[in-house]
Amino acid sequence: MEISDKLLCLFSASVTETEDSYVIEVPRREIETGSVDPEEIYRVALVSRGPGSEDPESGSNSRSASSGAASGGQRRAPSEPQPPVEIGEVRYVEIEDIGKQGDGIARVERGYVIIVPGAEVDERVKIEVSEVKSNFAVGEVIEDDSY
């Protein structure tokens, strides 16, 4: 399955029936981290886990955020969002801004920042992720596709 670069957040949730509609709850952390603005309108895609799939946190199909292994084999707290990139991952990014140190800044899923040394605003570059932290990553340019 191909995931859009416009993906803001990813979480597991159940559908709840109300009097005249059905509701999917967005976890509070998605609002608090700035991924989702309650005043905006969003497109929603629903992806089935498939038969027999269980929630990795609770062992059931109950509503909760997914958790996974973090870099280095450590597990993060279930409520802590996971970085959307991994060390060694290769992807194309567009440089949106320049940081205080002069490095290119790209934003990917959920507004997660990737710092790209040597890149310029409006460049589209192919990078390899060399470092991953909870709130940012560093990527090295391996191919320049400037407009």
Protein backbone atom coordinates (compact mmCIF):
# COMPACT_ATOMS: atom_id res chain seq x y z
CA MET A 1 0.00 0.00 0.00
CA GLU A 2 1.35 3.44 -0.91
CA ILE A 3 1.05 6.11 1.79
CA SER A 4 0.67 9.76 0.76
CA ASP A 5 3.36 12.29 1.75
CA LYS A 6 0.43 14.40 2.99
CA LEU A 7 -0.31 11.94 5.82
CA LEU A 8 -0.56 13.99 9.02
CA CYS A 9 -1.01 11.25 11.59
CA LEU A 10 -1.67 7.55 11.94
CA PHE A 11 -3.48 5.92 14.84
CA SER A 12 -5.86 3.07 15.56
CA ALA A 13 -9.44 3.87 16.53
CA SER A 14 -12.83 2.24 16.74
CA VAL A 15 -16.00 3.62 15.20
CA THR A 16 -18.62 4.64 17.77
CA GLU A 17 -22.32 5.01 16.95
CA THR A 18 -24.15 8.14 18.13
CA GLU A 19 -27.83 9.05 17.59
CA ASP A 20 -27.51 10.11 13.94
CA SER A 21 -23.90 9.43 12.94
CA TYR A 22 -20.75 7.45 13.58
CA VAL A 23 -17.67 8.92 15.26
CA ILE A 24 -13.94 8.16 15.03
CA GLU A 25 -12.07 9.72 17.94
CA VAL A 26 -8.77 11.50 17.28
CA PRO A 27 -6.26 11.03 20.14
CA ARG A 28 -5.61 14.22 22.15
CA ARG A 29 -1.86 14.01 21.43
CA GLU A 30 -2.50 14.57 17.70
CA ILE A 31 -4.09 17.93 18.56
CA GLU A 32 -1.48 18.81 21.19
CA THR A 33 1.49 18.06 18.89
CA GLY A 34 -0.01 20.24 16.17
CA SER A 35 -0.65 17.43 13.69
CA VAL A 36 -4.39 18.07 13.61
CA ASP A 37 -6.31 21.34 14.03
CA PRO A 38 -9.87 20.79 15.32
CA GLU A 39 -11.03 23.81 13.26
CA GLU A 40 -9.92 22.27 9.92
CA ILE A 41 -11.60 19.77 7.61
CA TYR A 42 -9.63 16.62 6.71
CA ARG A 43 -9.92 13.71 4.30
CA VAL A 44 -10.07 10.42 6.17
CA ALA A 45 -8.94 7.02 4.94
CA LEU A 46 -9.88 3.87 6.81
CA VAL A 47 -7.56 0.88 6.56
CA SER A 48 -8.66 -2.51 7.81
CA ARG A 49 -6.21 -4.42 9.95
CA GLY A 50 -7.37 -7.60 8.30
CA PRO A 51 -8.81 -10.73 9.92
CA GLY A 52 -7.13 -11.87 13.11
CA SER A 53 -5.13 -8.66 13.58
CA GLU A 54 -4.73 -7.53 17.13
CA ASP A 55 -3.91 -4.17 18.65
CA PRO A 56 -0.18 -4.38 19.54
CA GLU A 57 -0.72 -2.59 22.86
CA SER A 58 -3.72 -4.33 24.31
CA GLY A 59 -3.82 -7.63 22.45
CA SER A 60 -7.37 -6.82 21.29
CA ASN A 61 -9.12 -4.74 18.66
CA SER A 62 -9.83 -1.90 21.10
CA ARG A 63 -9.17 1.76 20.29
CA SER A 64 -5.60 2.93 20.93
CA ALA A 65 -2.55 4.31 19.17
CA SER A 66 -0.12 1.90 17.57
CA SER A 67 3.34 1.53 19.02
CA GLY A 68 6.44 0.08 17.48
CA ALA A 69 10.12 -0.39 17.99
CA ALA A 70 12.15 2.78 18.04
CA SER A 71 15.64 3.17 16.65
CA GLY A 72 18.15 0.96 18.44
CA GLY A 73 15.56 -1.66 19.37
CA GLN A 74 14.13 0.35 22.26
CA ARG A 75 10.38 0.59 22.76
CA ARG A 76 8.78 3.96 23.39
CA ALA A 77 5.86 4.67 25.68
CA PRO A 78 2.59 3.78 23.89
CA SER A 79 1.38 7.39 24.06
CA GLU A 80 4.55 8.78 22.45
CA PRO A 81 4.27 9.22 18.66
CA GLN A 82 6.91 7.39 16.64
CA PRO A 83 9.17 9.22 14.17
CA PRO A 84 7.90 8.61 10.62
CA VAL A 85 11.41 7.80 9.33
CA GLU A 86 14.14 5.28 10.15
CA ILE A 87 17.93 5.37 9.89
CA GLY A 88 18.98 4.29 6.40
CA GLU A 89 15.60 5.14 4.84
CA VAL A 90 15.83 6.81 1.43
CA ARG A 91 13.16 9.26 0.31
CA TYR A 92 12.54 12.39 -1.73
CA VAL A 93 11.82 15.57 0.23
CA GLU A 94 11.19 19.19 -0.67
CA ILE A 95 13.17 21.81 1.24
CA GLU A 96 10.66 24.29 2.67
CA ASP A 97 12.87 26.50 4.81
CA ILE A 98 16.42 27.20 5.99
CA GLY A 99 17.32 26.70 9.64
CA LYS A 100 19.35 29.02 11.86
CA GLN A 101 22.53 27.07 11.03
CA GLY A 102 21.89 27.39 7.26
CA ASP A 103 20.68 23.81 6.80
CA GLY A 104 17.68 22.90 4.66
CA ILE A 105 14.46 22.02 6.48
CA ALA A 106 11.95 19.53 5.08
CA ARG A 107 8.71 18.48 6.74
CA VAL A 108 7.16 15.06 6.26
CA GLU A 109 4.28 13.23 7.94
CA ARG A 110 2.73 14.98 10.96
CA GLY A 111 5.03 17.99 10.38
CA TYR A 112 8.08 15.94 11.43
CA VAL A 113 11.26 17.87 10.56
CA ILE A 114 14.19 16.49 8.57
CA ILE A 115 17.33 18.66 8.57
CA VAL A 116 19.24 18.45 5.29
CA PRO A 117 22.70 20.11 5.38
CA GLY A 118 23.65 21.87 2.16
CA ALA A 119 20.14 21.95 0.70
CA GLU A 120 18.39 25.15 -0.47
CA VAL A 121 14.75 26.29 -0.29
CA ASP A 122 12.53 24.81 -3.06
CA GLU A 123 15.02 22.05 -3.88
CA ARG A 124 13.61 18.53 -4.18
CA VAL A 125 16.34 16.16 -3.06
CA LYS A 126 16.77 12.45 -2.55
CA ILE A 127 18.11 11.85 0.96
CA GLU A 128 19.25 9.02 3.15
CA VAL A 129 18.27 9.41 6.79
CA SER A 130 21.42 9.30 8.93
CA GLU A 131 20.09 10.22 12.38
CA VAL A 132 16.63 9.95 13.98
CA LYS A 133 15.46 11.71 17.14
CA SER A 134 11.95 11.90 18.60
CA ASN A 135 11.30 15.37 17.15
CA PHE A 136 13.63 15.59 14.12
CA ALA A 137 15.91 13.63 11.81
CA VAL A 138 19.00 14.42 9.75
CA GLY A 139 19.21 13.40 6.11
CA GLU A 140 22.19 13.47 3.75
CA VAL A 141 21.62 14.45 0.10
CA ILE A 142 22.31 11.54 -2.24
CA GLU A 143 20.68 13.03 -5.36
CA ASP A 144 19.57 16.56 -6.30
CA ASP A 145 16.39 16.95 -8.39
CA SER A 146 16.15 20.76 -8.20
CA TYR A 147 13.35 22.35 -10.13
